[in-house]
């Protein structure tokens, strides 16, 4: 019934197939040629614009070099030699009545390493260190620690011992 619509049924259908392939190839070639030509034209235009930009840039560089006056050489700066930093040898702060190993460690962490540094610190500053360390250090009273440290710094060990005998855990009676 529908056999007359089937191109494969006819014996001379090969030339129809060949003709369709040739037409498709020619159309594909034409479309590809046109699109490639358009792409090539746009790339040539872009290349030309970039070459113009490069020429302008090189020209402006030449103008800047020509305008810039020569710079006189600066005198060589000799850096001073670094002064050696003398690290203070930590004193045994536990000599002070009321300071134990843990409080000594706290003070050392805050930069108080010597009797001189402890003598210069105010009792309020020392109290701040103790408060920041936690509630277990709140019972300590640093009121006499700077004075005791001053005696130790000055080497007045007998006066320090006499005063410590009068103190009760770093506090005056």
Protein backbone atom coordinates (compact mmCIF):
# COMPACT_ATOMS: atom_id res chain seq x y z
CA UNK A 1 0.00 0.00 0.00
CA UNK A 2 2.66 2.56 0.91
CA UNK A 3 5.42 0.97 -1.12
CA UNK A 4 5.41 3.78 -3.69
CA UNK A 5 6.55 6.25 -0.91
CA UNK A 6 9.63 4.20 0.06
CA UNK A 7 12.74 5.43 -1.84
CA UNK A 8 14.59 2.23 -0.96
CA UNK A 9 12.06 0.16 -2.84
CA UNK A 10 13.14 1.59 -6.15
CA UNK A 11 16.28 0.20 -7.77
CA UNK A 12 17.70 3.52 -8.89
CA UNK A 13 17.48 5.33 -5.51
CA UNK A 14 21.27 5.41 -5.02
CA UNK A 15 21.70 8.56 -7.09
CA UNK A 16 19.09 10.34 -4.90
CA UNK A 17 21.11 9.49 -1.82
CA UNK A 18 24.34 10.61 -3.42
CA UNK A 19 22.76 13.88 -4.53
CA UNK A 20 21.49 14.59 -0.99
CA UNK A 21 24.96 13.92 0.47
CA UNK A 22 26.62 16.25 -2.05
CA UNK A 23 24.09 19.00 -1.38
CA UNK A 24 24.57 18.63 2.41
CA UNK A 25 28.36 18.75 2.01
CA UNK A 26 28.24 21.87 -0.16
CA UNK A 27 25.86 23.63 2.24
CA UNK A 28 28.06 22.66 5.22
CA UNK A 29 31.16 23.97 3.44
CA UNK A 30 29.47 27.28 2.60
CA UNK A 31 28.16 27.79 6.14
CA UNK A 32 31.55 26.88 7.65
CA UNK A 33 33.41 29.18 5.24
CA UNK A 34 31.18 32.14 6.02
CA UNK A 35 31.32 31.68 9.80
CA UNK A 36 35.11 31.15 9.75
CA UNK A 37 35.55 34.25 7.60
CA UNK A 38 33.45 36.30 10.05
CA UNK A 39 35.45 34.93 13.00
CA UNK A 40 38.76 35.68 11.23
CA UNK A 41 37.61 39.22 10.43
CA UNK A 42 36.62 39.88 14.05
CA UNK A 43 39.95 38.46 15.31
CA UNK A 44 41.89 40.64 12.83
CA UNK A 45 40.01 43.72 14.07
CA UNK A 46 40.74 42.80 17.70
CA UNK A 47 44.42 42.20 16.88
CA UNK A 48 44.65 45.56 15.15
CA UNK A 49 43.07 47.32 18.16
CA UNK A 50 45.52 45.61 20.53
CA UNK A 51 48.50 46.56 18.35
CA UNK A 52 47.34 50.18 18.45
CA UNK A 53 47.10 49.98 22.26
CA UNK A 54 50.62 48.53 22.46
CA UNK A 55 52.01 51.28 20.23
CA UNK A 56 50.33 53.97 22.36
CA UNK A 57 51.65 52.39 25.55
CA UNK A 58 55.20 52.20 24.22
CA UNK A 59 54.99 55.79 23.04
CA UNK A 60 53.80 56.99 26.46
CA UNK A 61 56.64 55.08 28.15
CA UNK A 62 59.17 56.82 25.92
CA UNK A 63 57.65 60.20 26.83
CA UNK A 64 57.79 59.44 30.56
CA UNK A 65 61.41 58.33 30.32
CA UNK A 66 62.32 61.45 28.38
CA UNK A 67 60.54 63.76 30.87
CA UNK A 68 61.85 62.18 34.09
CA UNK A 69 64.96 64.05 35.30
CA UNK A 70 67.90 61.95 36.36
CA UNK A 71 68.02 61.27 40.07
CA UNK A 72 71.20 61.96 41.98
CA UNK A 73 72.53 59.04 43.94
CA UNK A 74 71.59 59.20 47.57
CA UNK A 75 74.26 58.95 50.18
CA UNK A 76 74.55 55.49 51.56
CA UNK A 77 72.80 55.16 54.87
CA UNK A 78 74.70 53.12 57.36
CA UNK A 79 72.39 51.40 59.76
CA UNK A 80 73.53 51.59 63.36
CA UNK A 81 74.58 48.34 64.88
CA UNK A 82 71.92 46.91 67.10
CA UNK A 83 72.64 47.34 70.75
CA UNK A 84 72.76 44.05 72.55
CA UNK A 85 69.75 43.47 74.73
CA UNK A 86 70.69 42.56 78.23
CA UNK A 87 68.29 39.98 79.52
CA UNK A 88 67.71 40.38 83.21
CA UNK A 89 68.57 37.31 85.22
CA UNK A 90 65.45 36.40 87.13
CA UNK A 91 65.70 36.74 90.89
CA UNK A 92 64.15 34.27 93.29
CA UNK A 93 61.01 36.25 94.08
CA UNK A 94 59.97 33.60 96.60
CA UNK A 95 62.35 35.34 99.04
CA UNK A 96 59.59 37.92 99.47
CA UNK A 97 57.21 36.87 102.24
CA UNK A 98 53.83 35.92 100.69
CA UNK A 99 55.13 34.92 97.25
CA UNK A 100 55.16 31.23 96.46
CA UNK A 101 56.17 29.33 93.31
CA UNK A 102 52.85 29.85 91.51
CA UNK A 103 52.71 33.59 92.20
CA UNK A 104 56.36 33.88 91.15
CA UNK A 105 55.45 32.19 87.86
CA UNK A 106 52.52 34.61 87.38
CA UNK A 107 54.76 37.61 88.00
CA UNK A 108 57.41 36.26 85.61
CA UNK A 109 54.77 35.81 82.90
CA UNK A 110 53.82 39.47 83.34
CA UNK A 111 57.45 40.57 82.92
CA UNK A 112 58.34 41.00 86.59
CA UNK A 113 61.53 38.95 86.88
CA UNK A 114 63.75 40.84 89.32
CA UNK A 115 63.54 42.44 92.74
CA UNK A 116 64.01 45.84 91.05
CA UNK A 117 61.01 45.29 88.77
CA UNK A 118 58.88 44.09 91.67
CA UNK A 119 59.99 47.10 93.78
CA UNK A 120 58.89 49.46 90.99
CA UNK A 121 55.51 47.75 90.55
CA UNK A 122 52.63 49.21 92.50
CA UNK A 123 50.63 46.96 94.84
CA UNK A 124 47.56 47.77 92.72
CA UNK A 125 49.26 46.45 89.57
CA UNK A 126 50.31 43.28 91.38
CA UNK A 127 46.75 42.87 92.69
CA UNK A 128 45.45 43.18 89.10
CA UNK A 129 47.76 40.33 88.07
CA UNK A 130 46.48 38.19 90.93
CA UNK A 131 42.83 38.98 90.17
CA UNK A 132 43.34 38.11 86.51
CA UNK A 133 44.88 34.77 87.52
CA UNK A 134 41.73 33.60 89.23
CA UNK A 135 39.92 33.37 92.57
CA UNK A 136 42.52 31.17 94.26
CA UNK A 137 44.98 34.11 94.28
CA UNK A 138 42.55 36.69 95.72
CA UNK A 139 43.49 35.94 99.34
CA UNK A 140 47.06 37.22 98.84
CA UNK A 141 47.84 40.80 99.84
CA UNK A 142 50.72 42.33 97.83
CA UNK A 143 50.83 45.55 99.86
CA UNK A 144 54.32 44.89 101.30
CA UNK A 145 55.87 43.06 98.34
CA UNK A 146 57.38 46.15 96.62
CA UNK A 147 58.95 47.29 99.90
CA UNK A 148 60.38 43.84 100.61
CA UNK A 149 61.71 43.68 97.05
CA UNK A 150 63.38 47.07 97.46
CA UNK A 151 65.25 45.76 100.52
CA UNK A 152 66.29 42.61 98.59
CA UNK A 153 67.33 44.69 95.57
CA UNK A 154 69.52 46.89 97.76
CA UNK A 155 71.08 43.86 99.48
CA UNK A 156 69.66 44.73 102.91
CA UNK A 157 69.06 41.09 103.82
CA UNK A 158 69.20 41.60 107.60
CA UNK A 159 66.58 44.37 107.49
CA UNK A 160 64.44 42.20 105.20
CA UNK A 161 64.69 39.20 107.54
CA UNK A 162 63.81 41.34 110.57
CA UNK A 163 60.78 42.80 108.82
CA UNK A 164 59.64 39.38 107.55
CA UNK A 165 59.76 38.04 111.10
CA UNK A 166 57.20 40.73 111.97
CA UNK A 167 54.97 39.85 108.97
CA UNK A 168 52.35 37.12 108.85
CA UNK A 169 52.31 35.60 105.32
CA UNK A 170 53.21 38.90 103.71
CA UNK A 171 50.78 40.96 105.80
CA UNK A 172 51.49 43.22 108.71
CA UNK A 173 50.04 42.00 112.00
